[in-house]
PDB file of N, CA and C in Angstrom:
ATOM      1  N   UNK A   1      -8.124  -5.004 -12.792  1.00  0.00           N
ATOM      2  CA  UNK A   1      -6.800  -5.097 -12.210  1.00  0.00           C
ATOM      3  C   UNK A   1      -6.369  -3.761 -11.591  1.00  0.00           C
ATOM      4  N   UNK A   2      -6.763  -2.663 -12.229  1.00  0.00           N
ATOM      5  CA  UNK A   2      -6.382  -1.355 -11.709  1.00  0.00           C
ATOM      6  C   UNK A   2      -7.014  -1.089 -10.350  1.00  0.00           C
ATOM      7  N   UNK A   3      -8.255  -1.511 -10.212  1.00  0.00           N
ATOM      8  CA  UNK A   3      -8.956  -1.274  -8.946  1.00  0.00           C
ATOM      9  C   UNK A   3      -8.377  -2.132  -7.826  1.00  0.00           C
ATOM     10  N   UNK A   4      -7.943  -3.327  -8.146  1.00  0.00           N
ATOM     11  CA  UNK A   4      -7.325  -4.186  -7.136  1.00  0.00           C
ATOM     12  C   UNK A   4      -6.018  -3.573  -6.648  1.00  0.00           C
ATOM     13  N   UNK A   5      -5.261  -2.997  -7.566  1.00  0.00           N
ATOM     14  CA  UNK A   5      -4.010  -2.341  -7.185  1.00  0.00           C
ATOM     15  C   UNK A   5      -4.286  -1.159  -6.255  1.00  0.00           C
ATOM     16  N   UNK A   6      -5.288  -0.374  -6.572  1.00  0.00           N
ATOM     17  CA  UNK A   6      -5.642   0.774  -5.730  1.00  0.00           C
ATOM     18  C   UNK A   6      -6.083   0.295  -4.356  1.00  0.00           C
ATOM     19  N   UNK A   7      -6.862  -0.770  -4.314  1.00  0.00           N
ATOM     20  CA  UNK A   7      -7.326  -1.310  -3.035  1.00  0.00           C
ATOM     21  C   UNK A   7      -6.151  -1.805  -2.202  1.00  0.00           C
ATOM     22  N   UNK A   8      -5.211  -2.492  -2.821  1.00  0.00           N
ATOM     23  CA  UNK A   8      -4.049  -2.994  -2.081  1.00  0.00           C
ATOM     24  C   UNK A   8      -3.167  -1.858  -1.562  1.00  0.00           C
ATOM     25  N   UNK A   9      -2.950  -0.843  -2.377  1.00  0.00           N
ATOM     26  CA  UNK A   9      -2.150   0.296  -1.926  1.00  0.00           C
ATOM     27  C   UNK A   9      -2.842   1.006  -0.769  1.00  0.00           C
ATOM     28  N   UNK A  10      -4.146   1.175  -0.877  1.00  0.00           N
ATOM     29  CA  UNK A  10      -4.908   1.831   0.196  1.00  0.00           C
ATOM     30  C   UNK A  10      -4.852   0.999   1.481  1.00  0.00           C
ATOM     31  N   UNK A  11      -4.966  -0.305   1.356  1.00  0.00           N
ATOM     32  CA  UNK A  11      -4.915  -1.183   2.522  1.00  0.00           C
ATOM     33  C   UNK A  11      -3.560  -1.105   3.209  1.00  0.00           C
ATOM     34  N   UNK A  12      -2.495  -1.180   2.431  1.00  0.00           N
ATOM     35  CA  UNK A  12      -1.153  -1.129   3.014  1.00  0.00           C
ATOM     36  C   UNK A  12      -0.859   0.243   3.605  1.00  0.00           C
ATOM     37  N   UNK A  13      -1.298   1.297   2.927  1.00  0.00           N
ATOM     38  CA  UNK A  13      -0.990   2.639   3.413  1.00  0.00           C
ATOM     39  C   UNK A  13      -1.785   3.020   4.654  1.00  0.00           C
ATOM     40  N   UNK A  14      -2.846   2.306   4.960  1.00  0.00           N
ATOM     41  CA  UNK A  14      -3.577   2.597   6.193  1.00  0.00           C
ATOM     42  C   UNK A  14      -3.287   1.587   7.302  1.00  0.00           C
ATOM     43  N   UNK A  15      -3.018   0.357   6.937  1.00  0.00           N
ATOM     44  CA  UNK A  15      -2.733  -0.653   7.952  1.00  0.00           C
ATOM     45  C   UNK A  15      -1.363  -0.467   8.599  1.00  0.00           C
ATOM     46  N   UNK A  16      -0.368  -0.110   7.806  1.00  0.00           N
ATOM     47  CA  UNK A  16       0.983   0.067   8.338  1.00  0.00           C
ATOM     48  C   UNK A  16       1.061   1.128   9.417  1.00  0.00           C
ATOM     49  N   UNK A  17       0.643   2.357   9.125  1.00  0.00           N
ATOM     50  CA  UNK A  17       0.686   3.385  10.162  1.00  0.00           C
ATOM     51  C   UNK A  17      -0.230   3.092  11.352  1.00  0.00           C
ATOM     52  N   UNK A  18      -1.342   2.414  11.111  1.00  0.00           N
ATOM     53  CA  UNK A  18      -2.218   2.045  12.231  1.00  0.00           C
ATOM     54  C   UNK A  18      -1.514   1.094  13.177  1.00  0.00           C
ATOM     55  N   UNK A  19      -0.778   0.144  12.623  1.00  0.00           N
ATOM     56  CA  UNK A  19      -0.020  -0.795  13.454  1.00  0.00           C
ATOM     57  C   UNK A  19       1.088  -0.073  14.214  1.00  0.00           C
ATOM     58  N   UNK A  20       1.729   0.886  13.565  1.00  0.00           N
ATOM     59  CA  UNK A  20       2.787   1.657  14.226  1.00  0.00           C
ATOM     60  C   UNK A  20       2.213   2.454  15.390  1.00  0.00           C
ATOM     61  N   UNK A  21       1.076   3.089  15.185  1.00  0.00           N
ATOM     62  CA  UNK A  21       0.455   3.879  16.250  1.00  0.00           C
ATOM     63  C   UNK A  21       0.062   2.986  17.423  1.00  0.00           C
ATOM     64  N   UNK A  22      -0.493   1.824  17.130  1.00  0.00           N
ATOM     65  CA  UNK A  22      -0.868   0.903  18.207  1.00  0.00           C
ATOM     66  C   UNK A  22       0.353   0.433  18.979  1.00  0.00           C
ATOM     67  N   UNK A  23       1.421   0.085  18.274  1.00  0.00           N
ATOM     68  CA  UNK A  23       2.625  -0.412  18.932  1.00  0.00           C
ATOM     69  C   UNK A  23       3.290   0.683  19.764  1.00  0.00           C
ATOM     70  N   UNK A  24       3.372   1.889  19.223  1.00  0.00           N
ATOM     71  CA  UNK A  24       3.980   3.000  19.958  1.00  0.00           C
ATOM     72  C   UNK A  24       3.153   3.340  21.195  1.00  0.00           C
ATOM     73  N   UNK A  25       1.845   3.354  21.045  1.00  0.00           N
ATOM     74  CA  UNK A  25       0.991   3.625  22.205  1.00  0.00           C
ATOM     75  C   UNK A  25       1.146   2.590  23.299  1.00  0.00           C
ATOM     76  N   UNK A  26       1.211   1.317  22.904  1.00  0.00           N
ATOM     77  CA  UNK A  26       1.377   0.238  23.880  1.00  0.00           C
ATOM     78  C   UNK A  26       2.712   0.365  24.611  1.00  0.00           C
ATOM     79  N   UNK A  27       3.772   0.594  23.858  1.00  0.00           N
ATOM     80  CA  UNK A  27       5.096   0.693  24.479  1.00  0.00           C
ATOM     81  C   UNK A  27       5.232   1.959  25.321  1.00  0.00           C
ATOM     82  N   UNK A  28       4.555   3.031  24.944  1.00  0.00           N
ATOM     83  CA  UNK A  28       4.610   4.252  25.743  1.00  0.00           C
ATOM     84  C   UNK A  28       3.928   4.065  27.091  1.00  0.00           C
ATOM     85  N   UNK A  29       2.784   3.410  27.075  1.00  0.00           N
ATOM     86  CA  UNK A  29       2.091   3.140  28.341  1.00  0.00           C
ATOM     87  C   UNK A  29       2.925   2.190  29.199  1.00  0.00           C
ATOM     88  N   UNK A  30       3.552   1.236  28.575  1.00  0.00           N
ATOM     89  CA  UNK A  30       4.419   0.304  29.309  1.00  0.00           C
ATOM     90  C   UNK A  30       5.608   1.050  29.928  1.00  0.00           C
ATOM     91  N   UNK A  31       6.202   1.983  29.169  1.00  0.00           N
ATOM     92  CA  UNK A  31       7.331   2.753  29.683  1.00  0.00           C
ATOM     93  C   UNK A  31       6.891   3.685  30.814  1.00  0.00           C
ATOM     94  N   UNK A  32       5.708   4.255  30.696  1.00  0.00           N
ATOM     95  CA  UNK A  32       5.205   5.106  31.780  1.00  0.00           C
ATOM     96  C   UNK A  32       4.951   4.300  33.051  1.00  0.00           C
ATOM     97  N   UNK A  33       4.550   3.064  32.889  1.00  0.00           N
ATOM     98  CA  UNK A  33       4.345   2.210  34.058  1.00  0.00           C
ATOM     99  C   UNK A  33       5.644   1.898  34.771  1.00  0.00           C
ATOM    100  N   UNK A  34       6.717   1.773  34.001  1.00  0.00           N
ATOM    101  CA  UNK A  34       8.018   1.469  34.613  1.00  0.00           C
ATOM    102  C   UNK A  34       8.673   2.700  35.205  1.00  0.00           C
ATOM    103  N   UNK A  35       8.536   3.856  34.540  1.00  0.00           N
ATOM    104  CA  UNK A  35       9.236   5.061  34.967  1.00  0.00           C
ATOM    105  C   UNK A  35       8.325   6.286  34.802  1.00  0.00           C
ATOM    106  N   UNK A  36       7.455   6.538  35.756  1.00  0.00           N
ATOM    107  CA  UNK A  36       6.520   7.669  35.632  1.00  0.00           C
ATOM    108  C   UNK A  36       7.194   9.041  35.616  1.00  0.00           C
ATOM    109  N   UNK A  37       8.394   9.137  36.139  1.00  0.00           N
ATOM    110  CA  UNK A  37       9.059  10.444  36.173  1.00  0.00           C
ATOM    111  C   UNK A  37       9.560  10.879  34.790  1.00  0.00           C
ATOM    112  N   UNK A  38       9.607   9.979  33.832  1.00  0.00           N
ATOM    113  CA  UNK A  38      10.063  10.312  32.479  1.00  0.00           C
ATOM    114  C   UNK A  38       8.889  10.605  31.549  1.00  0.00           C
ATOM    115  N   UNK A  39       7.781  11.030  32.121  1.00  0.00           N
ATOM    116  CA  UNK A  39       6.563  11.225  31.333  1.00  0.00           C
ATOM    117  C   UNK A  39       6.740  12.273  30.234  1.00  0.00           C
ATOM    118  N   UNK A  40       7.454  13.337  30.494  1.00  0.00           N
ATOM    119  CA  UNK A  40       7.612  14.395  29.489  1.00  0.00           C
ATOM    120  C   UNK A  40       8.402  13.904  28.285  1.00  0.00           C
ATOM    121  N   UNK A  41       9.489  13.188  28.534  1.00  0.00           N
ATOM    122  CA  UNK A  41      10.309  12.674  27.431  1.00  0.00           C
ATOM    123  C   UNK A  41       9.554  11.613  26.637  1.00  0.00           C
ATOM    124  N   UNK A  42       8.830  10.773  27.332  1.00  0.00           N
ATOM    125  CA  UNK A  42       8.061   9.718  26.650  1.00  0.00           C
ATOM    126  C   UNK A  42       6.952  10.345  25.808  1.00  0.00           C
ATOM    127  N   UNK A  43       6.299  11.374  26.348  1.00  0.00           N
ATOM    128  CA  UNK A  43       5.219  12.033  25.612  1.00  0.00           C
ATOM    129  C   UNK A  43       5.724  12.666  24.317  1.00  0.00           C
ATOM    130  N   UNK A  44       6.862  13.334  24.386  1.00  0.00           N
ATOM    131  CA  UNK A  44       7.403  13.983  23.191  1.00  0.00           C
ATOM    132  C   UNK A  44       7.762  12.957  22.128  1.00  0.00           C
ATOM    133  N   UNK A  45       8.447  11.896  22.519  1.00  0.00           N
ATOM    134  CA  UNK A  45       8.831  10.883  21.525  1.00  0.00           C
ATOM    135  C   UNK A  45       7.603  10.149  20.984  1.00  0.00           C
ATOM    136  N   UNK A  46       6.600   9.936  21.827  1.00  0.00           N
ATOM    137  CA  UNK A  46       5.375   9.283  21.375  1.00  0.00           C
ATOM    138  C   UNK A  46       4.628  10.157  20.365  1.00  0.00           C
ATOM    139  N   UNK A  47       4.518  11.433  20.650  1.00  0.00           N
ATOM    140  CA  UNK A  47       3.830  12.342  19.725  1.00  0.00           C
ATOM    141  C   UNK A  47       4.566  12.464  18.398  1.00  0.00           C
ATOM    142  N   UNK A  48       5.896  12.496  18.432  1.00  0.00           N
ATOM    143  CA  UNK A  48       6.662  12.541  17.189  1.00  0.00           C
ATOM    144  C   UNK A  48       6.449  11.278  16.361  1.00  0.00           C
ATOM    145  N   UNK A  49       6.423  10.133  17.017  1.00  0.00           N
ATOM    146  CA  UNK A  49       6.174   8.880  16.295  1.00  0.00           C
ATOM    147  C   UNK A  49       4.773   8.872  15.694  1.00  0.00           C
ATOM    148  N   UNK A  50       3.790   9.383  16.427  1.00  0.00           N
ATOM    149  CA  UNK A  50       2.427   9.473  15.897  1.00  0.00           C
ATOM    150  C   UNK A  50       2.362  10.383  14.666  1.00  0.00           C
ATOM    151  N   UNK A  51       3.046  11.514  14.739  1.00  0.00           N
ATOM    152  CA  UNK A  51       3.035  12.460  13.622  1.00  0.00           C
ATOM    153  C   UNK A  51       3.676  11.828  12.395  1.00  0.00           C
ATOM    154  N   UNK A  52       4.814  11.171  12.560  1.00  0.00           N
ATOM    155  CA  UNK A  52       5.476  10.551  11.419  1.00  0.00           C
ATOM    156  C   UNK A  52       4.634   9.427  10.827  1.00  0.00           C
ATOM    157  N   UNK A  53       3.969   8.657  11.664  1.00  0.00           N
ATOM    158  CA  UNK A  53       3.111   7.586  11.159  1.00  0.00           C
ATOM    159  C   UNK A  53       1.923   8.159  10.397  1.00  0.00           C
ATOM    160  N   UNK A  54       1.356   9.238  10.890  1.00  0.00           N
ATOM    161  CA  UNK A  54       0.228   9.862  10.190  1.00  0.00           C
ATOM    162  C   UNK A  54       0.652  10.478   8.866  1.00  0.00           C
ATOM    163  N   UNK A  55       1.847  11.046   8.820  1.00  0.00           N
ATOM    164  CA  UNK A  55       2.346  11.610   7.562  1.00  0.00           C
ATOM    165  C   UNK A  55       2.499  10.507   6.523  1.00  0.00           C
ATOM    166  N   UNK A  56       2.998   9.362   6.937  1.00  0.00           N
ATOM    167  CA  UNK A  56       3.128   8.235   6.011  1.00  0.00           C
ATOM    168  C   UNK A  56       1.750   7.808   5.507  1.00  0.00           C
ATOM    169  N   UNK A  57       0.770   7.769   6.385  1.00  0.00           N
ATOM    170  CA  UNK A  57      -0.584   7.383   5.983  1.00  0.00           C
ATOM    171  C   UNK A  57      -1.173   8.402   5.007  1.00  0.00           C
ATOM    172  N   UNK A  58      -0.992   9.676   5.285  1.00  0.00           N
ATOM    173  CA  UNK A  58      -1.533  10.714   4.402  1.00  0.00           C
ATOM    174  C   UNK A  58      -0.855  10.663   3.037  1.00  0.00           C
ATOM    175  N   UNK A  59       0.454  10.469   3.014  1.00  0.00           N
ATOM    176  CA  UNK A  59       1.159  10.370   1.733  1.00  0.00           C
ATOM    177  C   UNK A  59       0.689   9.160   0.932  1.00  0.00           C
ATOM    178  N   UNK A  60       0.453   8.051   1.611  1.00  0.00           N
ATOM    179  CA  UNK A  60      -0.060   6.874   0.916  1.00  0.00           C
ATOM    180  C   UNK A  60      -1.439   7.106   0.333  1.00  0.00           C
ATOM    181  N   UNK A  61      -2.304   7.739   1.094  1.00  0.00           N
ATOM    182  CA  UNK A  61      -3.656   8.009   0.612  1.00  0.00           C
ATOM    183  C   UNK A  61      -3.635   9.022  -0.534  1.00  0.00           C
ATOM    184  N   UNK A  62      -2.780  10.040  -0.431  1.00  0.00           N
ATOM    185  CA  UNK A  62      -2.660  11.002  -1.529  1.00  0.00           C
ATOM    186  C   UNK A  62      -2.132  10.353  -2.801  1.00  0.00           C
ATOM    187  N   UNK A  63      -1.190   9.437  -2.658  1.00  0.00           N
ATOM    188  CA  UNK A  63      -0.677   8.760  -3.851  1.00  0.00           C
ATOM    189  C   UNK A  63      -1.757   7.894  -4.484  1.00  0.00           C
ATOM    190  N   UNK A  64      -2.609   7.281  -3.680  1.00  0.00           N
ATOM    191  CA  UNK A  64      -3.720   6.504  -4.236  1.00  0.00           C
ATOM    192  C   UNK A  64      -4.672   7.408  -4.996  1.00  0.00           C
ATOM    193  N   UNK A  65      -4.998   8.557  -4.428  1.00  0.00           N
ATOM    194  CA  UNK A  65      -5.900   9.477  -5.114  1.00  0.00           C
ATOM    195  C   UNK A  65      -5.279  10.011  -6.401  1.00  0.00           C
ATOM    196  N   UNK A  66      -3.976  10.260  -6.386  1.00  0.00           N
ATOM    197  CA  UNK A  66      -3.324  10.734  -7.600  1.00  0.00           C
ATOM    198  C   UNK A  66      -3.308   9.650  -8.674  1.00  0.00           C
ATOM    199  N   UNK A  67      -3.017   8.427  -8.292  1.00  0.00           N
ATOM    200  CA  UNK A  67      -3.022   7.323  -9.262  1.00  0.00           C
ATOM    201  C   UNK A  67      -4.405   7.069  -9.794  1.00  0.00           C
ATOM    202  N   UNK A  68      -5.378   7.062  -8.919  1.00  0.00           N
ATOM    203  CA  UNK A  68      -6.740   6.781  -9.349  1.00  0.00           C
ATOM    204  C   UNK A  68      -7.297   7.904 -10.222  1.00  0.00           C
ATOM    205  N   UNK A  69      -6.919   9.122  -9.951  1.00  0.00           N
ATOM    206  CA  UNK A  69      -7.372  10.250 -10.747  1.00  0.00           C
ATOM    207  C   UNK A  69      -6.811  10.227 -12.161  1.00  0.00           C
ATOM    208  N   UNK A  70      -5.594   9.717 -12.333  1.00  0.00           N
ATOM    209  CA  UNK A  70      -4.988   9.642 -13.664  1.00  0.00           C
ATOM    210  C   UNK A  70      -5.568   8.511 -14.500  1.00  0.00           C
ATOM    211  N   UNK A  71      -6.138   7.509 -13.857  1.00  0.00           N
ATOM    212  CA  UNK A  71      -6.658   6.366 -14.595  1.00  0.00           C
ATOM    213  C   UNK A  71      -8.008   6.665 -15.239  1.00  0.00           C
ATOM    214  N   UNK A  72      -8.737   7.599 -14.700  1.00  0.00           N
ATOM    215  CA  UNK A  72     -10.077   7.856 -15.243  1.00  0.00           C
ATOM    216  C   UNK A  72     -10.053   8.802 -16.400  1.00  0.00           C
TER     217      UNK A  72
END
């Protein structure tokens, strides 16, 4: 049961941010297609969203490693 919990936490902590990155990338390219002159503003907001999504993924993975390390 402990291993299933670790697997589920790992799955959620990597799938969520991956979906966010894909969605942000898609919408950024769509916004650039509509308004190419706003490329600088779109790039900054896109990079910030990527950074926040990656931080969430790293925190999730670290929490899995901390939980798994305490169980052994």
